[in-house]
Amino acid sequence: MKKIVLNFKTYVESAGENGLRLARIADEVAEDSGVEIIVCPQHWDLALISKNVKCKVFAQHVDLNSPGAFTGSLTIDGMKSSLGKGTLINHAEKKVGLDYVRKVVDKCNAFGLETLACADSLKEASELDKIKPTMIALEPPDLIGTGVSVSTAKPDEIIETVKLIKNSIPLAGAGISNADDVKKAFELGLNGVLLASAFVKSKEPKKFLESLANVY
């Protein structure tokens, strides 16, 4: 199934009730279109949103600590208790490295949770595929937040990524900002997209998200 993953980051526009509103919009579009939409809210809102939408809710990051005396840690156990279905990991804004990703994937697998690992290059995507996260998003850091999509700027890397990834679902991240970017990603063989500001900061987020879902 094609996927749209929405990273809310820590924008003011996606905090608290704003985040819940955006998640409900995603839920409505997913139900109407039949497209799988995954939302990644701010950590403070994970339980609130999980309890109020049907679509999958992921954390934006997790730590490896077990429950206990670890002040400030974002545990996988806590994510599961908050009804999260999975997590982003190794995002360009929160790099953790391959060994860390491996441990997160192993623990999430044990809990029946999904993982979306971000790769900043073709080489990293290839290494991540050996770890077998549920999904891998190719997300060159120089394109994040630029409005220039990886599917347009680096199509050759996308094609090679699709060829290399055998164990995970390949997605496009970085710079996805309109339906044409999504269409191009699919034409290159990807199974979905990961985006953030284009949705969160849209003046008409439902209309925008519907335009992406209609590509399917």
C-alpha atoms as a PDB file:
ATOM      1  CA  MET A   1       0.000   0.000   0.000  1.00  0.00           C
ATOM      2  CA  LYS A   2       1.249   3.501  -0.853  1.00  0.00           C
ATOM      3  CA  LYS A   3       1.970   5.657   2.176  1.00  0.00           C
ATOM      4  CA  ILE A   4       2.038   9.302   3.191  1.00  0.00           C
ATOM      5  CA  VAL A   5       3.982   9.970   6.394  1.00  0.00           C
ATOM      6  CA  LEU A   6       3.501  13.370   8.034  1.00  0.00           C
ATOM      7  CA  ASN A   7       6.191  14.576  10.419  1.00  0.00           C
ATOM      8  CA  PHE A   8       4.790  17.349  12.621  1.00  0.00           C
ATOM      9  CA  LYS A   9       8.267  18.228  13.979  1.00  0.00           C
ATOM     10  CA  THR A  10       8.029  20.843  16.760  1.00  0.00           C
ATOM     11  CA  TYR A  11       6.291  23.627  14.874  1.00  0.00           C
ATOM     12  CA  VAL A  12       3.912  25.891  16.798  1.00  0.00           C
ATOM     13  CA  GLU A  13       1.354  25.015  14.136  1.00  0.00           C
ATOM     14  CA  SER A  14       1.445  21.344  15.176  1.00  0.00           C
ATOM     15  CA  ALA A  15       1.475  21.583  18.973  1.00  0.00           C
ATOM     16  CA  GLY A  16      -1.363  20.535  21.284  1.00  0.00           C
ATOM     17  CA  GLU A  17      -4.811  21.212  19.857  1.00  0.00           C
ATOM     18  CA  ASN A  18      -3.218  22.313  16.584  1.00  0.00           C
ATOM     19  CA  GLY A  19      -1.576  18.914  16.291  1.00  0.00           C
ATOM     20  CA  LEU A  20      -4.820  17.127  17.058  1.00  0.00           C
ATOM     21  CA  ARG A  21      -6.595  19.163  14.376  1.00  0.00           C
ATOM     22  CA  LEU A  22      -3.957  18.212  11.791  1.00  0.00           C
ATOM     23  CA  ALA A  23      -4.115  14.557  12.809  1.00  0.00           C
ATOM     24  CA  ARG A  24      -7.896  14.549  12.433  1.00  0.00           C
ATOM     25  CA  ILE A  25      -7.521  16.047   8.966  1.00  0.00           C
ATOM     26  CA  ALA A  26      -5.097  13.266   8.079  1.00  0.00           C
ATOM     27  CA  ASP A  27      -7.549  10.724   9.459  1.00  0.00           C
ATOM     28  CA  GLU A  28     -10.398  12.102   7.339  1.00  0.00           C
ATOM     29  CA  VAL A  29      -8.316  12.136   4.157  1.00  0.00           C
ATOM     30  CA  ALA A  30      -7.075   8.604   4.810  1.00  0.00           C
ATOM     31  CA  GLU A  31     -10.612   7.327   5.298  1.00  0.00           C
ATOM     32  CA  ASP A  32     -11.976   9.111   2.232  1.00  0.00           C
ATOM     33  CA  SER A  33      -9.104   8.189  -0.088  1.00  0.00           C
ATOM     34  CA  GLY A  34      -8.111   4.733   1.137  1.00  0.00           C
ATOM     35  CA  VAL A  35      -4.477   5.877   1.302  1.00  0.00           C
ATOM     36  CA  GLU A  36      -2.458   4.919   4.390  1.00  0.00           C
ATOM     37  CA  ILE A  37      -1.476   8.115   6.212  1.00  0.00           C
ATOM     38  CA  ILE A  38       0.838   7.982   9.222  1.00  0.00           C
ATOM     39  CA  VAL A  39       1.183  10.986  11.531  1.00  0.00           C
ATOM     40  CA  CYS A  40       4.215  11.741  13.703  1.00  0.00           C
ATOM     41  CA  PRO A  41       3.104  14.307  16.307  1.00  0.00           C
ATOM     42  CA  GLN A  42       5.129  16.057  18.944  1.00  0.00           C
ATOM     43  CA  HIS A  43       5.982  13.742  21.835  1.00  0.00           C
ATOM     44  CA  TRP A  44       3.733  15.601  24.272  1.00  0.00           C
ATOM     45  CA  ASP A  45       0.741  14.843  22.045  1.00  0.00           C
ATOM     46  CA  LEU A  46       1.358  11.182  21.206  1.00  0.00           C
ATOM     47  CA  ALA A  47      -1.241   9.707  23.565  1.00  0.00           C
ATOM     48  CA  LEU A  48      -3.803  12.459  22.932  1.00  0.00           C
ATOM     49  CA  ILE A  49      -3.679  11.937  19.178  1.00  0.00           C
ATOM     50  CA  SER A  50      -3.439   8.144  19.322  1.00  0.00           C
ATOM     51  CA  LYS A  51      -6.707   8.045  21.268  1.00  0.00           C
ATOM     52  CA  ASN A  52      -8.545  10.304  18.829  1.00  0.00           C
ATOM     53  CA  VAL A  53      -7.653   9.066  15.337  1.00  0.00           C
ATOM     54  CA  LYS A  54      -7.758   5.758  13.498  1.00  0.00           C
ATOM     55  CA  CYS A  55      -4.621   6.248  11.402  1.00  0.00           C
ATOM     56  CA  LYS A  56      -1.257   5.049  12.666  1.00  0.00           C
ATOM     57  CA  VAL A  57       0.588   7.381  15.011  1.00  0.00           C
ATOM     58  CA  PHE A  58       4.388   7.262  15.195  1.00  0.00           C
ATOM     59  CA  ALA A  59       6.837   8.912  17.562  1.00  0.00           C
ATOM     60  CA  GLN A  60       9.409  11.230  16.008  1.00  0.00           C
ATOM     61  CA  HIS A  61      12.274   9.576  17.891  1.00  0.00           C
ATOM     62  CA  VAL A  62      12.880   7.091  20.701  1.00  0.00           C
ATOM     63  CA  ASP A  63      15.695   6.453  23.161  1.00  0.00           C
ATOM     64  CA  LEU A  64      17.042   3.010  24.012  1.00  0.00           C
ATOM     65  CA  ASN A  65      16.591   3.268  27.781  1.00  0.00           C
ATOM     66  CA  SER A  66      14.290   0.801  29.484  1.00  0.00           C
ATOM     67  CA  PRO A  67      11.741   2.157  31.953  1.00  0.00           C
ATOM     68  CA  GLY A  68      13.385   3.352  35.137  1.00  0.00           C
ATOM     69  CA  ALA A  69      15.572   6.133  36.516  1.00  0.00           C
ATOM     70  CA  PHE A  70      16.336   7.798  33.171  1.00  0.00           C
ATOM     71  CA  THR A  71      15.078  11.375  33.423  1.00  0.00           C
ATOM     72  CA  GLY A  72      14.055  12.827  30.101  1.00  0.00           C
ATOM     73  CA  SER A  73      14.265   9.591  28.133  1.00  0.00           C
ATOM     74  CA  LEU A  74      11.683   8.756  25.467  1.00  0.00           C
ATOM     75  CA  THR A  75      11.358   5.015  25.901  1.00  0.00           C
ATOM     76  CA  ILE A  76       9.949   2.533  23.422  1.00  0.00           C
ATOM     77  CA  ASP A  77       7.891   1.107  26.269  1.00  0.00           C
ATOM     78  CA  GLY A  78       6.405   4.560  26.873  1.00  0.00           C
ATOM     79  CA  MET A  79       5.620   4.969  23.205  1.00  0.00           C
ATOM     80  CA  LYS A  80       3.750   1.671  23.200  1.00  0.00           C
ATOM     81  CA  SER A  81       1.887   2.630  26.368  1.00  0.00           C
ATOM     82  CA  SER A  82       0.858   5.863  24.638  1.00  0.00           C
ATOM     83  CA  LEU A  83      -0.621   3.720  21.832  1.00  0.00           C
ATOM     84  CA  GLY A  84       2.058   4.660  19.302  1.00  0.00           C
ATOM     85  CA  LYS A  85       2.398   2.165  16.457  1.00  0.00           C
ATOM     86  CA  GLY A  86       6.004   2.916  15.546  1.00  0.00           C
ATOM     87  CA  THR A  87       8.698   5.551  15.315  1.00  0.00           C
ATOM     88  CA  LEU A  88      10.866   7.608  13.042  1.00  0.00           C
ATOM     89  CA  ILE A  89      14.556   7.083  13.682  1.00  0.00           C
ATOM     90  CA  ASN A  90      17.785   8.601  12.382  1.00  0.00           C
ATOM     91  CA  HIS A  91      16.143  11.696  10.910  1.00  0.00           C
ATOM     92  CA  ALA A  92      18.647  14.229   9.588  1.00  0.00           C
ATOM     93  CA  GLU A  93      17.726  16.494  12.516  1.00  0.00           C
ATOM     94  CA  LYS A  94      18.202  13.640  15.004  1.00  0.00           C
ATOM     95  CA  LYS A  95      20.991  11.410  13.679  1.00  0.00           C
ATOM     96  CA  VAL A  96      21.828   8.389  15.802  1.00  0.00           C
ATOM     97  CA  GLY A  97      23.910   6.049  13.618  1.00  0.00           C
ATOM     98  CA  LEU A  98      23.500   2.533  12.317  1.00  0.00           C
ATOM     99  CA  ASP A  99      24.169   0.635  15.552  1.00  0.00           C
ATOM    100  CA  TYR A 100      21.559   2.686  17.390  1.00  0.00           C
ATOM    101  CA  VAL A 101      19.029   2.121  14.592  1.00  0.00           C
ATOM    102  CA  ARG A 102      19.700  -1.620  14.744  1.00  0.00           C
ATOM    103  CA  LYS A 103      18.907  -1.737  18.466  1.00  0.00           C
ATOM    104  CA  VAL A 104      15.745   0.338  18.013  1.00  0.00           C
ATOM    105  CA  VAL A 105      14.547  -1.891  15.175  1.00  0.00           C
ATOM    106  CA  ASP A 106      15.202  -5.027  17.217  1.00  0.00           C
ATOM    107  CA  LYS A 107      13.315  -3.733  20.249  1.00  0.00           C
ATOM    108  CA  CYS A 108      10.427  -2.373  18.175  1.00  0.00           C
ATOM    109  CA  ASN A 109      10.149  -5.718  16.381  1.00  0.00           C
ATOM    110  CA  ALA A 110       9.924  -7.443  19.758  1.00  0.00           C
ATOM    111  CA  PHE A 111       7.017  -5.152  20.669  1.00  0.00           C
ATOM    112  CA  GLY A 112       5.303  -5.523  17.284  1.00  0.00           C
ATOM    113  CA  LEU A 113       6.019  -1.884  16.410  1.00  0.00           C
ATOM    114  CA  GLU A 114       7.085  -0.398  13.071  1.00  0.00           C
ATOM    115  CA  THR A 115      10.141   1.698  12.248  1.00  0.00           C
ATOM    116  CA  LEU A 116      10.856   4.320   9.612  1.00  0.00           C
ATOM    117  CA  ALA A 117      14.585   4.919   9.313  1.00  0.00           C
ATOM    118  CA  CYS A 118      15.856   7.977   7.451  1.00  0.00           C
ATOM    119  CA  ALA A 119      18.888   7.807   5.168  1.00  0.00           C
ATOM    120  CA  ASP A 120      20.921  10.849   4.151  1.00  0.00           C
ATOM    121  CA  SER A 121      22.568   9.086   1.211  1.00  0.00           C
ATOM    122  CA  LEU A 122      22.394   6.082  -1.065  1.00  0.00           C
ATOM    123  CA  LYS A 123      25.157   4.435   0.959  1.00  0.00           C
ATOM    124  CA  GLU A 124      23.318   4.878   4.244  1.00  0.00           C
ATOM    125  CA  ALA A 125      20.077   3.584   2.704  1.00  0.00           C
ATOM    126  CA  SER A 126      21.921   0.428   1.631  1.00  0.00           C
ATOM    127  CA  GLU A 127      23.351  -0.082   5.130  1.00  0.00           C
ATOM    128  CA  LEU A 128      19.990   0.538   6.776  1.00  0.00           C
ATOM    129  CA  ASP A 129      18.331  -2.032   4.539  1.00  0.00           C
ATOM    130  CA  LYS A 130      20.524  -4.715   6.109  1.00  0.00           C
ATOM    131  CA  ILE A 131      18.958  -3.818   9.470  1.00  0.00           C
ATOM    132  CA  LYS A 132      15.452  -4.296   7.998  1.00  0.00           C
ATOM    133  CA  PRO A 133      13.414  -1.395   9.367  1.00  0.00           C
ATOM    134  CA  THR A 134       9.815  -1.373   8.152  1.00  0.00           C
ATOM    135  CA  MET A 135      10.485   1.635   5.905  1.00  0.00           C
ATOM    136  CA  ILE A 136      13.465   3.664   4.718  1.00  0.00           C
ATOM    137  CA  ALA A 137      13.142   7.283   3.585  1.00  0.00           C
ATOM    138  CA  LEU A 138      15.880   8.735   1.394  1.00  0.00           C
ATOM    139  CA  GLU A 139      16.237  12.243   2.794  1.00  0.00           C
ATOM    140  CA  PRO A 140      19.300  14.239   1.650  1.00  0.00           C
ATOM    141  CA  PRO A 141      19.766  16.896   4.367  1.00  0.00           C
ATOM    142  CA  ASP A 142      20.567  19.653   1.875  1.00  0.00           C
ATOM    143  CA  LEU A 143      17.004  19.442   0.538  1.00  0.00           C
ATOM    144  CA  ILE A 144      15.092  19.427   3.831  1.00  0.00           C
ATOM    145  CA  GLY A 145      12.773  22.408   4.083  1.00  0.00           C
ATOM    146  CA  THR A 146      13.833  23.790   0.695  1.00  0.00           C
ATOM    147  CA  GLY A 147      10.682  22.988  -1.250  1.00  0.00           C
ATOM    148  CA  VAL A 148      12.904  21.197  -3.783  1.00  0.00           C
ATOM    149  CA  SER A 149      11.974  17.537  -3.702  1.00  0.00           C
ATOM    150  CA  VAL A 150      14.468  14.687  -3.735  1.00  0.00           C
ATOM    151  CA  SER A 151      12.370  13.012  -6.425  1.00  0.00           C
ATOM    152  CA  THR A 152      12.989  15.995  -8.698  1.00  0.00           C
ATOM    153  CA  ALA A 153      16.499  17.031  -7.679  1.00  0.00           C
ATOM    154  CA  LYS A 154      18.068  13.575  -7.387  1.00  0.00           C
ATOM    155  CA  PRO A 155      16.059  11.103  -9.490  1.00  0.00           C
ATOM    156  CA  ASP A 156      19.105   8.934 -10.177  1.00  0.00           C
ATOM    157  CA  GLU A 157      19.619   8.416  -6.442  1.00  0.00           C
ATOM    158  CA  ILE A 158      15.967   7.454  -6.095  1.00  0.00           C
ATOM    159  CA  ILE A 159      16.245   4.884  -8.888  1.00  0.00           C
ATOM    160  CA  GLU A 160      19.374   3.378  -7.328  1.00  0.00           C
ATOM    161  CA  THR A 161      17.778   3.366  -3.872  1.00  0.00           C
ATOM    162  CA  VAL A 162      14.786   1.432  -5.192  1.00  0.00           C
ATOM    163  CA  LYS A 163      17.157  -1.123  -6.727  1.00  0.00           C
ATOM    164  CA  LEU A 164      19.183  -1.469  -3.535  1.00  0.00           C
ATOM    165  CA  ILE A 165      16.432  -1.705  -0.936  1.00  0.00           C
ATOM    166  CA  LYS A 166      15.217  -5.296  -0.697  1.00  0.00           C
ATOM    167  CA  ASN A 167      14.059  -5.660   2.914  1.00  0.00           C
ATOM    168  CA  SER A 168      12.224  -2.406   3.616  1.00  0.00           C
ATOM    169  CA  ILE A 169       9.606  -0.180   1.997  1.00  0.00           C
ATOM    170  CA  PRO A 170      11.345   2.719   0.170  1.00  0.00           C
ATOM    171  CA  LEU A 171      10.018   6.253   0.609  1.00  0.00           C
ATOM    172  CA  ALA A 172      11.080   9.726  -0.544  1.00  0.00           C
ATOM    173  CA  GLY A 173      11.741  12.395   2.037  1.00  0.00           C
ATOM    174  CA  ALA A 174      13.098  15.977   1.910  1.00  0.00           C
ATOM    175  CA  GLY A 175      11.491  18.775  -0.040  1.00  0.00           C
ATOM    176  CA  ILE A 176       8.226  17.027  -0.920  1.00  0.00           C
ATOM    177  CA  SER A 177       5.877  19.976  -1.346  1.00  0.00           C
ATOM    178  CA  ASN A 178       3.165  19.184  -3.899  1.00  0.00           C
ATOM    179  CA  ALA A 179       1.304  16.476  -5.787  1.00  0.00           C
ATOM    180  CA  ASP A 180       3.774  16.558  -8.676  1.00  0.00           C
ATOM    181  CA  ASP A 181       6.589  15.645  -6.280  1.00  0.00           C
ATOM    182  CA  VAL A 182       4.556  12.683  -5.024  1.00  0.00           C
ATOM    183  CA  LYS A 183       3.676  11.563  -8.546  1.00  0.00           C
ATOM    184  CA  LYS A 184       7.339  11.723  -9.564  1.00  0.00           C
ATOM    185  CA  ALA A 185       8.343   9.663  -6.531  1.00  0.00           C
ATOM    186  CA  PHE A 186       5.894   6.926  -7.489  1.00  0.00           C
ATOM    187  CA  GLU A 187       6.991   6.986 -11.122  1.00  0.00           C
ATOM    188  CA  LEU A 188      10.539   6.333  -9.902  1.00  0.00           C
ATOM    189  CA  GLY A 189       9.367   3.237  -8.020  1.00  0.00           C
ATOM    190  CA  LEU A 190       8.951   4.477  -4.455  1.00  0.00           C
ATOM    191  CA  ASN A 191       6.093   3.368  -2.218  1.00  0.00           C
ATOM    192  CA  GLY A 192       5.399   6.598  -0.408  1.00  0.00           C
ATOM    193  CA  VAL A 193       6.607   9.949   0.847  1.00  0.00           C
ATOM    194  CA  LEU A 194       7.689  11.562   4.107  1.00  0.00           C
ATOM    195  CA  LEU A 195       6.993  15.273   4.482  1.00  0.00           C
ATOM    196  CA  ALA A 196       6.630  17.921   7.160  1.00  0.00           C
ATOM    197  CA  SER A 197       6.404  21.680   6.693  1.00  0.00           C
ATOM    198  CA  ALA A 198       4.474  21.590   3.409  1.00  0.00           C
ATOM    199  CA  PHE A 199       1.559  20.044   5.312  1.00  0.00           C
ATOM    200  CA  VAL A 200       1.981  21.527   8.775  1.00  0.00           C
ATOM    201  CA  LYS A 201       2.371  25.092   7.521  1.00  0.00           C
ATOM    202  CA  SER A 202      -0.206  24.892   4.737  1.00  0.00           C
ATOM    203  CA  LYS A 203      -2.999  27.456   4.916  1.00  0.00           C
ATOM    204  CA  GLU A 204      -5.360  24.741   3.700  1.00  0.00           C
ATOM    205  CA  PRO A 205      -3.904  21.488   5.054  1.00  0.00           C
ATOM    206  CA  LYS A 206      -6.885  19.318   4.154  1.00  0.00           C
ATOM    207  CA  LYS A 207      -6.999  20.538   0.571  1.00  0.00           C
ATOM    208  CA  PHE A 208      -3.231  20.094   0.314  1.00  0.00           C
ATOM    209  CA  LEU A 209      -3.295  16.558   1.711  1.00  0.00           C
ATOM    210  CA  GLU A 210      -6.203  15.593  -0.531  1.00  0.00           C
ATOM    211  CA  SER A 211      -4.149  16.710  -3.535  1.00  0.00           C
ATOM    212  CA  LEU A 212      -1.385  14.293  -2.510  1.00  0.00           C
ATOM    213  CA  ALA A 213      -3.775  11.433  -1.815  1.00  0.00           C
ATOM    214  CA  ASN A 214      -5.437  11.921  -5.192  1.00  0.00           C
ATOM    215  CA  VAL A 215      -2.161  11.018  -6.898  1.00  0.00           C
ATOM    216  CA  TYR A 216      -2.779   7.442  -5.771  1.00  0.00           C
END
